[in-house]
Amino acid sequence: MPEVRVTVGSRIGLHARPAALVAKAAAGCPMPVLIGRTAADGVNAASVLALMSLGVQAGEEVVIVAEGEGAQAAVESLGALVARDLDAAETTT
């Protein structure tokens, strides 16, 4: 199962705006993607509420995992997104 570890880049962590952007991207993946502090506690990355329930703060490391065809590309793409400062005013999706 492909996984990537990434440090959350948003200044306030995975709160509403960053969680919504990550969830939107994850919903476009052809397979379920999980995000958590560890692979074992991962939540559905396509759910804003699930992401916010993690309480992940800026600078914390998260693990992104997926399984299936295209999983490696999906976790790398979401990892790059999570590592960005999604609170920045000029963020685009």
C-alpha atoms as a PDB file:
ATOM      1  CA  MET A   1       0.000   0.000   0.000  1.00  0.00           C
ATOM      2  CA  PRO A   2       1.666   3.268  -1.100  1.00  0.00           C
ATOM      3  CA  GLU A   3       2.080   5.894   1.568  1.00  0.00           C
ATOM      4  CA  VAL A   4       3.723   9.263   1.954  1.00  0.00           C
ATOM      5  CA  ARG A   5       4.655  11.161   5.104  1.00  0.00           C
ATOM      6  CA  VAL A   6       4.325  14.915   4.897  1.00  0.00           C
ATOM      7  CA  THR A   7       4.469  17.908   7.216  1.00  0.00           C
ATOM      8  CA  VAL A   8       1.310  20.037   7.254  1.00  0.00           C
ATOM      9  CA  GLY A   9       2.172  23.391   5.712  1.00  0.00           C
ATOM     10  CA  SER A  10      -0.933  25.403   6.573  1.00  0.00           C
ATOM     11  CA  ARG A  11      -0.307  27.895   9.352  1.00  0.00           C
ATOM     12  CA  ILE A  12      -3.320  26.763  11.352  1.00  0.00           C
ATOM     13  CA  GLY A  13      -3.247  23.080  10.446  1.00  0.00           C
ATOM     14  CA  LEU A  14      -6.032  21.114   8.789  1.00  0.00           C
ATOM     15  CA  HIS A  15      -8.906  23.361   9.820  1.00  0.00           C
ATOM     16  CA  ALA A  16     -11.901  24.252   7.606  1.00  0.00           C
ATOM     17  CA  ARG A  17     -10.339  25.814   4.486  1.00  0.00           C
ATOM     18  CA  PRO A  18      -7.343  23.489   4.122  1.00  0.00           C
ATOM     19  CA  ALA A  19      -9.482  20.465   5.000  1.00  0.00           C
ATOM     20  CA  ALA A  20     -12.009  21.432   2.330  1.00  0.00           C
ATOM     21  CA  LEU A  21      -9.288  21.775  -0.313  1.00  0.00           C
ATOM     22  CA  VAL A  22      -7.726  18.436   0.614  1.00  0.00           C
ATOM     23  CA  ALA A  23     -11.120  16.716   0.725  1.00  0.00           C
ATOM     24  CA  LYS A  24     -12.032  18.072  -2.703  1.00  0.00           C
ATOM     25  CA  ALA A  25      -8.775  16.753  -4.164  1.00  0.00           C
ATOM     26  CA  ALA A  26      -9.183  13.379  -2.421  1.00  0.00           C
ATOM     27  CA  ALA A  27     -12.751  13.033  -3.691  1.00  0.00           C
ATOM     28  CA  GLY A  28     -11.348  13.180  -7.211  1.00  0.00           C
ATOM     29  CA  CYS A  29      -9.111  10.172  -6.625  1.00  0.00           C
ATOM     30  CA  PRO A  30     -10.258   6.853  -8.110  1.00  0.00           C
ATOM     31  CA  MET A  31      -9.755   5.069  -4.777  1.00  0.00           C
ATOM     32  CA  PRO A  32     -10.271   5.833  -1.079  1.00  0.00           C
ATOM     33  CA  VAL A  33      -7.406   7.802   0.463  1.00  0.00           C
ATOM     34  CA  LEU A  34      -6.716   7.893   4.206  1.00  0.00           C
ATOM     35  CA  ILE A  35      -4.893  10.586   6.190  1.00  0.00           C
ATOM     36  CA  GLY A  36      -3.830  10.304   9.818  1.00  0.00           C
ATOM     37  CA  ARG A  37      -0.974  10.759  12.255  1.00  0.00           C
ATOM     38  CA  THR A  38      -0.237   7.094  11.561  1.00  0.00           C
ATOM     39  CA  ALA A  39      -1.485   4.765   8.843  1.00  0.00           C
ATOM     40  CA  ALA A  40      -3.539   2.908  11.472  1.00  0.00           C
ATOM     41  CA  ASP A  41      -5.550   5.968  12.564  1.00  0.00           C
ATOM     42  CA  GLY A  42      -6.218   7.295   9.071  1.00  0.00           C
ATOM     43  CA  VAL A  43      -9.565   8.879   8.226  1.00  0.00           C
ATOM     44  CA  ASN A  44     -11.307   9.319   4.897  1.00  0.00           C
ATOM     45  CA  ALA A  45      -9.427  12.156   3.195  1.00  0.00           C
ATOM     46  CA  ALA A  46     -12.510  13.023   1.130  1.00  0.00           C
ATOM     47  CA  SER A  47     -14.410  14.049   4.299  1.00  0.00           C
ATOM     48  CA  VAL A  48     -13.902  17.589   5.586  1.00  0.00           C
ATOM     49  CA  LEU A  49     -15.324  16.675   8.992  1.00  0.00           C
ATOM     50  CA  ALA A  50     -13.111  13.596   9.295  1.00  0.00           C
ATOM     51  CA  LEU A  51     -10.019  15.641   8.450  1.00  0.00           C
ATOM     52  CA  MET A  52     -10.933  18.344  10.953  1.00  0.00           C
ATOM     53  CA  SER A  53     -11.589  15.708  13.636  1.00  0.00           C
ATOM     54  CA  LEU A  54      -7.908  14.766  13.523  1.00  0.00           C
ATOM     55  CA  GLY A  55      -6.999  18.121  15.079  1.00  0.00           C
ATOM     56  CA  VAL A  56      -3.754  18.233  13.079  1.00  0.00           C
ATOM     57  CA  GLN A  57      -1.769  21.420  13.673  1.00  0.00           C
ATOM     58  CA  ALA A  58       0.759  23.254  11.508  1.00  0.00           C
ATOM     59  CA  GLY A  59       4.097  21.476  11.361  1.00  0.00           C
ATOM     60  CA  GLU A  60       2.705  18.077  12.384  1.00  0.00           C
ATOM     61  CA  GLU A  61       3.510  15.075  10.252  1.00  0.00           C
ATOM     62  CA  VAL A  62       0.699  13.057   8.702  1.00  0.00           C
ATOM     63  CA  VAL A  63       0.660   9.823   6.733  1.00  0.00           C
ATOM     64  CA  ILE A  64      -1.349   9.570   3.526  1.00  0.00           C
ATOM     65  CA  VAL A  65      -2.174   6.072   2.256  1.00  0.00           C
ATOM     66  CA  ALA A  66      -4.184   4.575  -0.583  1.00  0.00           C
ATOM     67  CA  GLU A  67      -4.494   1.243  -2.299  1.00  0.00           C
ATOM     68  CA  GLY A  68      -5.255   0.378  -5.888  1.00  0.00           C
ATOM     69  CA  GLU A  69      -4.341   1.455  -9.371  1.00  0.00           C
ATOM     70  CA  GLY A  70      -2.969   4.986  -9.319  1.00  0.00           C
ATOM     71  CA  ALA A  71      -2.495   4.985  -5.540  1.00  0.00           C
ATOM     72  CA  GLN A  72       1.132   6.134  -5.660  1.00  0.00           C
ATOM     73  CA  ALA A  73       0.258   9.164  -7.779  1.00  0.00           C
ATOM     74  CA  ALA A  74      -2.728   9.950  -5.539  1.00  0.00           C
ATOM     75  CA  VAL A  75      -0.754   9.931  -2.286  1.00  0.00           C
ATOM     76  CA  GLU A  76       2.054  11.979  -3.819  1.00  0.00           C
ATOM     77  CA  SER A  77      -0.380  14.551  -5.201  1.00  0.00           C
ATOM     78  CA  LEU A  78      -2.270  14.879  -1.920  1.00  0.00           C
ATOM     79  CA  GLY A  79       1.009  14.967  -0.010  1.00  0.00           C
ATOM     80  CA  ALA A  80       2.169  17.922  -2.090  1.00  0.00           C
ATOM     81  CA  LEU A  81      -1.135  19.676  -1.409  1.00  0.00           C
ATOM     82  CA  VAL A  82      -1.024  19.062   2.364  1.00  0.00           C
ATOM     83  CA  ALA A  83       2.556  20.370   2.484  1.00  0.00           C
ATOM     84  CA  ARG A  84       1.488  23.709   0.979  1.00  0.00           C
ATOM     85  CA  ASP A  85       0.244  26.675   2.988  1.00  0.00           C
ATOM     86  CA  LEU A  86      -3.410  26.330   2.063  1.00  0.00           C
ATOM     87  CA  ASP A  87      -4.237  29.383   4.189  1.00  0.00           C
ATOM     88  CA  ALA A  88      -2.383  31.652   1.763  1.00  0.00           C
ATOM     89  CA  ALA A  89      -4.641  34.141   0.010  1.00  0.00           C
ATOM     90  CA  GLU A  90      -3.353  33.202  -3.427  1.00  0.00           C
ATOM     91  CA  THR A  91      -4.009  29.451  -3.110  1.00  0.00           C
ATOM     92  CA  THR A  92      -5.755  27.973  -6.128  1.00  0.00           C
ATOM     93  CA  THR A  93      -7.071  24.480  -6.741  1.00  0.00           C
END
